[in-house]
Amino acid sequence: MTGEVTKEDGGAVSLEDLRQKMVDFAKERDWEKYHSPRNLLLALVGEVGELSECFQWKGEVPKGLPDWKEEEKQHLGEELSDVLLYLVQLSYYYGIDLGKAALRKVHLNVIKHHVNRYIKSNIPEENKKSDDFDDDANITNQDNNNSNGMAENLQN
């Protein structure tokens, strides 16, 4: 592994590029024996903790990080990258195409969270008088009803 920071052809970096870099990196160091699913998951959790530390004590942070120093932004990028790299390794270990899985999840979210359910201006005029869209409480109640089953399953 050369430590290069750009792709040789100058194109976009794919998840497969990252996966291969990580496979090579671990192989060169004989670390594959340590990369069990449990260990990778625990490492991922640790990295999420380090990512969280970037925001600790900062309150709400505006988009674009206008008040952050360049070193802070670089550190944030490193921590985000650590999380991504462990996700890529876990997905590879389990034979999950992370890109396809993510696109599928976005599609499922589009179906589950239809825009008309949240944006009143997108509701056809004839439906605006419907009780379903009278106030935000209905939306919140619908969301709570969807999540109650999950909470009940966790308690059992």
N, C-alpha and C. Protein backbone atom coordinates (compact mmCIF):
# COMPACT_ATOMS: atom_id res chain seq x y z
N MET A 1 0.85 -1.17 0.00
CA MET A 1 0.00 0.00 0.00
C MET A 1 0.90 1.23 0.00
N THR A 2 0.60 2.19 -0.84
CA THR A 2 1.52 3.29 -1.06
C THR A 2 1.19 4.55 -0.26
N GLY A 3 0.00 4.64 0.33
CA GLY A 3 -0.36 5.85 1.06
C GLY A 3 -0.85 6.97 0.17
N GLU A 4 -1.09 6.69 -1.11
CA GLU A 4 -1.56 7.72 -2.04
C GLU A 4 -2.93 8.20 -1.59
N VAL A 5 -3.23 9.45 -1.89
CA VAL A 5 -4.49 10.02 -1.46
C VAL A 5 -5.46 10.27 -2.61
N THR A 6 -5.05 9.97 -3.83
CA THR A 6 -5.95 10.09 -4.98
C THR A 6 -5.86 8.82 -5.80
N LYS A 7 -6.91 8.59 -6.57
CA LYS A 7 -6.89 7.45 -7.48
C LYS A 7 -5.93 7.74 -8.62
N GLU A 8 -5.28 6.69 -9.09
CA GLU A 8 -4.30 6.86 -10.17
C GLU A 8 -4.92 7.49 -11.42
N ASP A 9 -6.16 7.10 -11.73
CA ASP A 9 -6.79 7.63 -12.94
C ASP A 9 -7.53 8.95 -12.67
N GLY A 10 -7.49 9.44 -11.43
CA GLY A 10 -8.12 10.71 -11.10
C GLY A 10 -9.63 10.62 -10.97
N GLY A 11 -10.22 9.44 -11.14
CA GLY A 11 -11.67 9.27 -11.06
C GLY A 11 -12.17 9.15 -9.63
N ALA A 12 -13.44 8.92 -9.52
CA ALA A 12 -14.07 8.77 -8.21
C ALA A 12 -13.62 7.47 -7.56
N VAL A 13 -13.56 7.48 -6.26
CA VAL A 13 -13.19 6.29 -5.49
C VAL A 13 -14.46 5.50 -5.19
N SER A 14 -14.45 4.22 -5.49
CA SER A 14 -15.62 3.38 -5.24
C SER A 14 -15.46 2.64 -3.91
N LEU A 15 -16.55 2.09 -3.43
CA LEU A 15 -16.48 1.25 -2.24
C LEU A 15 -15.58 0.05 -2.49
N GLU A 16 -15.59 -0.46 -3.71
CA GLU A 16 -14.73 -1.60 -4.05
C GLU A 16 -13.25 -1.19 -3.98
N ASP A 17 -12.93 0.02 -4.42
CA ASP A 17 -11.55 0.51 -4.30
C ASP A 17 -11.13 0.52 -2.84
N LEU A 18 -11.99 1.04 -1.98
CA LEU A 18 -11.68 1.11 -0.56
C LEU A 18 -11.54 -0.28 0.04
N ARG A 19 -12.45 -1.18 -0.33
CA ARG A 19 -12.40 -2.54 0.18
C ARG A 19 -11.09 -3.20 -0.18
N GLN A 20 -10.67 -3.06 -1.44
CA GLN A 20 -9.43 -3.69 -1.88
C GLN A 20 -8.22 -3.09 -1.15
N LYS A 21 -8.23 -1.78 -0.96
CA LYS A 21 -7.14 -1.14 -0.21
C LYS A 21 -7.06 -1.71 1.21
N MET A 22 -8.21 -1.90 1.83
CA MET A 22 -8.22 -2.43 3.20
C MET A 22 -7.80 -3.90 3.26
N VAL A 23 -8.20 -4.68 2.26
CA VAL A 23 -7.76 -6.08 2.19
C VAL A 23 -6.25 -6.13 2.05
N ASP A 24 -5.70 -5.32 1.15
CA ASP A 24 -4.25 -5.29 0.95
C ASP A 24 -3.53 -4.82 2.22
N PHE A 25 -4.06 -3.80 2.85
CA PHE A 25 -3.47 -3.25 4.06
C PHE A 25 -3.38 -4.31 5.16
N ALA A 26 -4.48 -5.02 5.39
CA ALA A 26 -4.50 -6.05 6.44
C ALA A 26 -3.60 -7.23 6.07
N LYS A 27 -3.62 -7.63 4.80
CA LYS A 27 -2.80 -8.75 4.35
C LYS A 27 -1.31 -8.46 4.52
N GLU A 28 -0.88 -7.27 4.14
CA GLU A 28 0.53 -6.89 4.26
C GLU A 28 1.02 -6.93 5.70
N ARG A 29 0.13 -6.76 6.66
CA ARG A 29 0.50 -6.73 8.07
C ARG A 29 0.13 -8.02 8.80
N ASP A 30 -0.43 -8.99 8.06
CA ASP A 30 -0.89 -10.25 8.63
C ASP A 30 -1.95 -10.02 9.71
N TRP A 31 -2.85 -9.08 9.46
CA TRP A 31 -3.90 -8.75 10.41
C TRP A 31 -5.23 -9.44 10.11
N GLU A 32 -5.32 -10.19 9.02
CA GLU A 32 -6.60 -10.81 8.66
C GLU A 32 -7.15 -11.67 9.79
N LYS A 33 -6.24 -12.33 10.52
CA LYS A 33 -6.67 -13.23 11.61
C LYS A 33 -7.41 -12.47 12.72
N TYR A 34 -7.21 -11.16 12.81
CA TYR A 34 -7.87 -10.36 13.83
C TYR A 34 -9.18 -9.75 13.35
N HIS A 35 -9.45 -9.86 12.06
CA HIS A 35 -10.61 -9.19 11.49
C HIS A 35 -11.85 -10.07 11.48
N SER A 36 -12.22 -10.53 12.65
CA SER A 36 -13.47 -11.27 12.80
C SER A 36 -14.63 -10.27 12.80
N PRO A 37 -15.84 -10.73 12.53
CA PRO A 37 -16.97 -9.80 12.56
C PRO A 37 -17.09 -9.07 13.90
N ARG A 38 -16.90 -9.80 14.99
CA ARG A 38 -16.99 -9.18 16.31
C ARG A 38 -15.95 -8.07 16.46
N ASN A 39 -14.72 -8.36 16.11
CA ASN A 39 -13.66 -7.37 16.26
C ASN A 39 -13.87 -6.16 15.36
N LEU A 40 -14.32 -6.41 14.14
CA LEU A 40 -14.59 -5.29 13.23
C LEU A 40 -15.73 -4.43 13.76
N LEU A 41 -16.77 -5.06 14.28
CA LEU A 41 -17.89 -4.31 14.82
C LEU A 41 -17.47 -3.49 16.04
N LEU A 42 -16.69 -4.09 16.94
CA LEU A 42 -16.23 -3.35 18.11
C LEU A 42 -15.33 -2.18 17.71
N ALA A 43 -14.50 -2.39 16.70
CA ALA A 43 -13.65 -1.31 16.21
C ALA A 43 -14.52 -0.19 15.61
N LEU A 44 -15.56 -0.57 14.89
CA LEU A 44 -16.48 0.41 14.32
C LEU A 44 -17.13 1.24 15.42
N VAL A 45 -17.59 0.58 16.46
CA VAL A 45 -18.22 1.29 17.58
C VAL A 45 -17.22 2.27 18.21
N GLY A 46 -15.99 1.83 18.37
CA GLY A 46 -14.96 2.71 18.90
C GLY A 46 -14.74 3.93 18.02
N GLU A 47 -14.75 3.72 16.72
CA GLU A 47 -14.56 4.83 15.79
C GLU A 47 -15.75 5.79 15.81
N VAL A 48 -16.95 5.26 15.99
CA VAL A 48 -18.12 6.13 16.11
C VAL A 48 -17.97 7.01 17.35
N GLY A 49 -17.43 6.43 18.42
CA GLY A 49 -17.17 7.22 19.62
C GLY A 49 -16.17 8.33 19.34
N GLU A 50 -15.11 8.02 18.60
CA GLU A 50 -14.11 9.05 18.26
C GLU A 50 -14.73 10.13 17.36
N LEU A 51 -15.61 9.72 16.46
CA LEU A 51 -16.32 10.68 15.62
C LEU A 51 -17.18 11.60 16.49
N SER A 52 -17.85 11.03 17.46
CA SER A 52 -18.69 11.83 18.37
C SER A 52 -17.87 12.86 19.12
N GLU A 53 -16.65 12.51 19.48
CA GLU A 53 -15.80 13.44 20.21
C GLU A 53 -15.51 14.71 19.41
N CYS A 54 -15.54 14.61 18.10
CA CYS A 54 -15.31 15.80 17.26
C CYS A 54 -16.37 16.86 17.53
N PHE A 55 -17.56 16.45 17.95
CA PHE A 55 -18.67 17.37 18.15
C PHE A 55 -18.96 17.65 19.62
N GLN A 56 -18.27 16.93 20.50
CA GLN A 56 -18.52 17.09 21.92
C GLN A 56 -18.23 18.52 22.35
N TRP A 57 -19.15 19.09 23.11
CA TRP A 57 -19.05 20.42 23.69
C TRP A 57 -19.16 21.55 22.66
N LYS A 58 -19.53 21.25 21.44
CA LYS A 58 -19.62 22.30 20.42
C LYS A 58 -21.04 22.80 20.21
N GLY A 59 -22.03 22.18 20.82
CA GLY A 59 -23.42 22.57 20.59
C GLY A 59 -23.81 22.23 19.16
N GLU A 60 -24.80 22.94 18.64
CA GLU A 60 -25.21 22.72 17.25
C GLU A 60 -24.14 23.29 16.33
N VAL A 61 -23.79 22.53 15.33
CA VAL A 61 -22.73 22.94 14.40
C VAL A 61 -23.36 23.23 13.04
N PRO A 62 -23.17 24.44 12.51
CA PRO A 62 -23.78 24.77 11.22
C PRO A 62 -23.15 24.00 10.06
N LYS A 63 -23.96 23.81 9.04
CA LYS A 63 -23.51 23.14 7.83
C LYS A 63 -22.28 23.85 7.26
N GLY A 64 -21.32 23.06 6.84
CA GLY A 64 -20.11 23.63 6.25
C GLY A 64 -19.02 23.93 7.26
N LEU A 65 -19.35 23.83 8.55
CA LEU A 65 -18.39 24.04 9.64
C LEU A 65 -17.64 25.38 9.52
N PRO A 66 -18.34 26.48 9.36
CA PRO A 66 -17.67 27.77 9.11
C PRO A 66 -16.74 28.23 10.24
N ASP A 67 -17.02 27.81 11.46
CA ASP A 67 -16.20 28.26 12.59
C ASP A 67 -15.10 27.27 12.97
N TRP A 68 -14.96 26.21 12.20
CA TRP A 68 -13.96 25.20 12.53
C TRP A 68 -12.63 25.54 11.87
N LYS A 69 -11.56 25.22 12.58
CA LYS A 69 -10.22 25.35 12.01
C LYS A 69 -10.01 24.25 10.98
N GLU A 70 -9.08 24.46 10.07
CA GLU A 70 -8.80 23.48 9.03
C GLU A 70 -8.37 22.14 9.63
N GLU A 71 -7.61 22.18 10.72
CA GLU A 71 -7.16 20.93 11.37
C GLU A 71 -8.35 20.16 11.92
N GLU A 72 -9.36 20.87 12.45
CA GLU A 72 -10.55 20.21 12.98
C GLU A 72 -11.34 19.54 11.86
N LYS A 73 -11.44 20.21 10.73
CA LYS A 73 -12.14 19.63 9.58
C LYS A 73 -11.41 18.40 9.07
N GLN A 74 -10.10 18.47 9.02
CA GLN A 74 -9.31 17.33 8.57
C GLN A 74 -9.48 16.15 9.53
N HIS A 75 -9.45 16.43 10.82
CA HIS A 75 -9.64 15.37 11.82
C HIS A 75 -11.03 14.74 11.68
N LEU A 76 -12.05 15.56 11.46
CA LEU A 76 -13.40 15.05 11.25
C LEU A 76 -13.42 14.12 10.03
N GLY A 77 -12.78 14.52 8.95
CA GLY A 77 -12.72 13.67 7.76
C GLY A 77 -12.04 12.34 8.05
N GLU A 78 -11.02 12.36 8.88
CA GLU A 78 -10.33 11.11 9.23
C GLU A 78 -11.23 10.20 10.04
N GLU A 79 -11.97 10.76 10.98
CA GLU A 79 -12.87 9.93 11.80
C GLU A 79 -14.04 9.40 10.98
N LEU A 80 -14.60 10.22 10.10
CA LEU A 80 -15.65 9.74 9.19
C LEU A 80 -15.12 8.61 8.32
N SER A 81 -13.89 8.75 7.87
CA SER A 81 -13.27 7.72 7.03
C SER A 81 -13.07 6.42 7.79
N ASP A 82 -12.65 6.51 9.04
CA ASP A 82 -12.49 5.30 9.85
C ASP A 82 -13.80 4.53 9.94
N VAL A 83 -14.90 5.26 10.18
CA VAL A 83 -16.21 4.61 10.27
C VAL A 83 -16.56 3.96 8.94
N LEU A 84 -16.38 4.68 7.85
CA LEU A 84 -16.68 4.14 6.52
C LEU A 84 -15.85 2.89 6.24
N LEU A 85 -14.58 2.94 6.54
CA LEU A 85 -13.70 1.80 6.23
C LEU A 85 -14.10 0.55 7.00
N TYR A 86 -14.49 0.70 8.26
CA TYR A 86 -14.95 -0.48 9.01
C TYR A 86 -16.28 -0.99 8.47
N LEU A 87 -17.17 -0.09 8.04
CA LEU A 87 -18.43 -0.53 7.42
C LEU A 87 -18.16 -1.32 6.14
N VAL A 88 -17.23 -0.83 5.34
CA VAL A 88 -16.87 -1.51 4.10
C VAL A 88 -16.31 -2.90 4.41
N GLN A 89 -15.46 -3.00 5.41
CA GLN A 89 -14.89 -4.30 5.77
C GLN A 89 -15.95 -5.27 6.29
N LEU A 90 -16.86 -4.78 7.13
CA LEU A 90 -17.93 -5.63 7.65
C LEU A 90 -18.82 -6.13 6.52
N SER A 91 -19.18 -5.24 5.62
CA SER A 91 -20.06 -5.64 4.52
C SER A 91 -19.37 -6.67 3.64
N TYR A 92 -18.09 -6.52 3.41
CA TYR A 92 -17.34 -7.49 2.62
C TYR A 92 -17.31 -8.85 3.31
N TYR A 93 -17.07 -8.84 4.61
CA TYR A 93 -16.99 -10.08 5.37
C TYR A 93 -18.28 -10.88 5.25
N TYR A 94 -19.41 -10.17 5.23
CA TYR A 94 -20.72 -10.84 5.17
C TYR A 94 -21.26 -10.97 3.75
N GLY A 95 -20.52 -10.54 2.75
CA GLY A 95 -20.97 -10.67 1.38
C GLY A 95 -22.10 -9.72 1.01
N ILE A 96 -22.14 -8.57 1.65
CA ILE A 96 -23.17 -7.57 1.38
C ILE A 96 -22.57 -6.50 0.46
N ASP A 97 -23.24 -6.24 -0.65
CA ASP A 97 -22.84 -5.13 -1.52
C ASP A 97 -23.38 -3.87 -0.88
N LEU A 98 -22.52 -3.15 -0.18
CA LEU A 98 -22.93 -2.00 0.61
C LEU A 98 -23.58 -0.92 -0.24
N GLY A 99 -23.06 -0.66 -1.42
CA GLY A 99 -23.66 0.34 -2.31
C GLY A 99 -25.08 -0.03 -2.68
N LYS A 100 -25.29 -1.27 -3.10
CA LYS A 100 -26.64 -1.72 -3.46
C LYS A 100 -27.56 -1.74 -2.25
N ALA A 101 -27.04 -2.17 -1.10
CA ALA A 101 -27.85 -2.20 0.11
C ALA A 101 -28.28 -0.79 0.50
N ALA A 102 -27.37 0.18 0.37
CA ALA A 102 -27.69 1.56 0.72
C ALA A 102 -28.74 2.13 -0.23
N LEU A 103 -28.60 1.86 -1.53
CA LEU A 103 -29.61 2.34 -2.49
C LEU A 103 -30.97 1.71 -2.23
N ARG A 104 -30.97 0.43 -1.90
CA ARG A 104 -32.23 -0.25 -1.57
C ARG A 104 -32.86 0.39 -0.34
N LYS A 105 -32.06 0.71 0.67
CA LYS A 105 -32.57 1.32 1.89
C LYS A 105 -33.15 2.70 1.61
N VAL A 106 -32.50 3.48 0.76
CA VAL A 106 -33.04 4.78 0.38
C VAL A 106 -34.40 4.59 -0.30
N HIS A 107 -34.49 3.61 -1.19
CA HIS A 107 -35.76 3.33 -1.88
C HIS A 107 -36.84 2.94 -0.87
N LEU A 108 -36.50 2.09 0.08
CA LEU A 108 -37.48 1.69 1.11
C LEU A 108 -37.92 2.89 1.95
N ASN A 109 -36.99 3.79 2.25
CA ASN A 109 -37.34 4.99 3.01
C ASN A 109 -38.26 5.91 2.23
N VAL A 110 -38.06 5.98 0.90
CA VAL A 110 -38.95 6.79 0.06
C VAL A 110 -40.37 6.24 0.14
N ILE A 111 -40.48 4.94 0.12
CA ILE A 111 -41.81 4.31 0.21
C ILE A 111 -42.41 4.51 1.60
N LYS A 112 -41.62 4.26 2.61
CA LYS A 112 -42.10 4.35 4.00
C LYS A 112 -42.44 5.78 4.40
N HIS A 113 -41.65 6.74 3.96
CA HIS A 113 -41.83 8.13 4.37
C HIS A 113 -42.21 8.98 3.15
N HIS A 114 -43.39 8.74 2.63
CA HIS A 114 -43.86 9.44 1.44
C HIS A 114 -43.88 10.94 1.71
N VAL A 115 -43.44 11.73 0.74
CA VAL A 115 -43.29 13.17 0.90
C VAL A 115 -44.62 13.84 1.27
N ASN A 116 -45.74 13.37 0.76
CA ASN A 116 -47.02 13.98 1.07
C ASN A 116 -47.38 13.84 2.54
N ARG A 117 -46.78 12.92 3.19
CA ARG A 117 -47.04 12.70 4.61
C ARG A 117 -46.39 13.77 5.47
N TYR A 118 -45.38 14.43 4.96
CA TYR A 118 -44.61 15.37 5.75
C TYR A 118 -44.68 16.81 5.25
N ILE A 119 -44.92 17.01 3.98
CA ILE A 119 -44.93 18.35 3.39
C ILE A 119 -46.36 18.69 2.99
N LYS A 120 -46.98 19.56 3.75
CA LYS A 120 -48.39 19.89 3.49
C LYS A 120 -48.57 20.56 2.13
N SER A 121 -47.58 21.32 1.67
CA SER A 121 -47.73 22.01 0.39
C SER A 121 -47.80 21.05 -0.79
N ASN A 122 -47.38 19.80 -0.60
CA ASN A 122 -47.44 18.81 -1.68
C ASN A 122 -48.74 18.03 -1.69
N ILE A 123 -49.62 18.33 -0.76
CA ILE A 123 -50.89 17.60 -0.68
C ILE A 123 -51.88 18.24 -1.66
N PRO A 124 -52.51 17.41 -2.49
CA PRO A 124 -53.51 17.97 -3.42
C PRO A 124 -54.59 18.73 -2.65
N GLU A 125 -55.09 19.79 -3.24
CA GLU A 125 -56.06 20.68 -2.59
C GLU A 125 -57.26 19.90 -2.03
N GLU A 126 -57.75 18.92 -2.78
CA GLU A 126 -58.94 18.18 -2.32
C GLU A 126 -58.65 17.34 -1.07
N ASN A 127 -57.38 17.04 -0.83
CA ASN A 127 -57.03 16.24 0.35
C ASN A 127 -56.66 17.08 1.56
N LYS A 128 -56.47 18.38 1.38
CA LYS A 128 -56.02 19.24 2.48
C LYS A 128 -57.04 19.33 3.59
N LYS A 129 -58.29 19.06 3.30
CA LYS A 129 -59.33 19.13 4.32
C LYS A 129 -59.43 17.82 5.09
N SER A 130 -58.70 16.83 4.66
CA SER A 130 -58.72 15.53 5.31
C SER A 130 -58.14 15.63 6.72
N ASP A 131 -58.69 14.84 7.64
CA ASP A 131 -58.19 14.82 9.02
C ASP A 131 -56.76 14.32 9.10
N ASP A 132 -56.32 13.57 8.09
CA ASP A 132 -54.96 13.02 8.12
C ASP A 132 -53.90 14.11 8.14
N PHE A 133 -54.23 15.29 7.63
CA PHE A 133 -53.22 16.33 7.48
C PHE A 133 -53.60 17.61 8.23
N ASP A 134 -54.48 17.50 9.21
CA ASP A 134 -54.90 18.70 9.94
C ASP A 134 -53.79 19.31 10.78
N ASP A 135 -52.94 18.46 11.36
CA ASP A 135 -51.86 19.03 12.18
C ASP A 135 -50.69 18.06 12.23
N ASP A 136 -49.61 18.55 12.75
CA ASP A 136 -48.39 17.75 12.82
C ASP A 136 -48.53 16.59 13.79
N ALA A 137 -49.46 16.67 14.72
CA ALA A 137 -49.63 15.58 15.69
C ALA A 137 -49.98 14.28 14.98
N ASN A 138 -50.76 14.37 13.91
CA ASN A 138 -51.11 13.16 13.17
C ASN A 138 -49.88 12.49 12.60
N ILE A 139 -48.97 13.27 12.06
CA ILE A 139 -47.74 12.72 11.51
C ILE A 139 -46.93 12.06 12.61
N THR A 140 -46.80 12.76 13.74
CA THR A 140 -46.04 12.23 14.87
C THR A 140 -46.69 10.94 15.37
N ASN A 141 -48.02 10.93 15.48
CA ASN A 141 -48.71 9.73 15.94
C ASN A 141 -48.52 8.58 14.97
N GLN A 142 -48.56 8.85 13.67
CA GLN A 142 -48.33 7.79 12.70
C GLN A 142 -46.93 7.23 12.85
N ASP A 143 -45.94 8.09 13.03
CA ASP A 143 -44.56 7.63 13.20
C ASP A 143 -44.43 6.83 14.49
N ASN A 144 -45.05 7.31 15.57
CA ASN A 144 -44.98 6.59 16.84
C ASN A 144 -45.64 5.22 16.74
N ASN A 145 -46.77 5.16 16.02
CA ASN A 145 -47.43 3.88 15.85
C ASN A 145 -46.54 2.90 15.10
N ASN A 146 -45.77 3.38 14.12
CA ASN A 146 -44.88 2.52 13.37
C ASN A 146 -43.74 2.01 14.24
N SER A 147 -43.29 2.79 15.22
CA SER A 147 -42.14 2.40 16.02
C SER A 147 -42.53 1.65 17.29
N ASN A 148 -43.81 1.70 17.70
CA ASN A 148 -44.21 1.04 18.93
C ASN A 148 -43.98 -0.46 18.87
N GLY A 149 -44.25 -1.06 17.74
CA GLY A 149 -44.03 -2.50 17.60
C GLY A 149 -42.58 -2.86 17.82
N MET A 150 -41.68 -2.01 17.33
CA MET A 150 -40.26 -2.27 17.51
C MET A 150 -39.90 -2.20 18.98
N ALA A 151 -40.42 -1.19 19.70
CA ALA A 151 -40.13 -1.05 21.12
C ALA A 151 -40.67 -2.24 21.90
N GLU A 152 -41.89 -2.69 21.54
CA GLU A 152 -42.45 -3.84 22.21
C GLU A 152 -41.61 -5.08 21.98
N ASN A 153 -41.11 -5.27 20.76
CA ASN A 153 -40.26 -6.43 20.47
C ASN A 153 -38.97 -6.39 21.26
N LEU A 154 -38.43 -5.21 21.46
CA LEU A 154 -37.19 -5.09 22.22
C LEU A 154 -37.40 -5.40 23.69
N GLN A 155 -38.61 -5.11 24.21
CA GLN A 155 -38.88 -5.37 25.61
C GLN A 155 -39.12 -6.84 25.88
N ASN A 156 -39.57 -7.59 24.90
CA ASN A 156 -39.87 -9.03 25.10
C ASN A 156 -38.64 -9.87 25.10
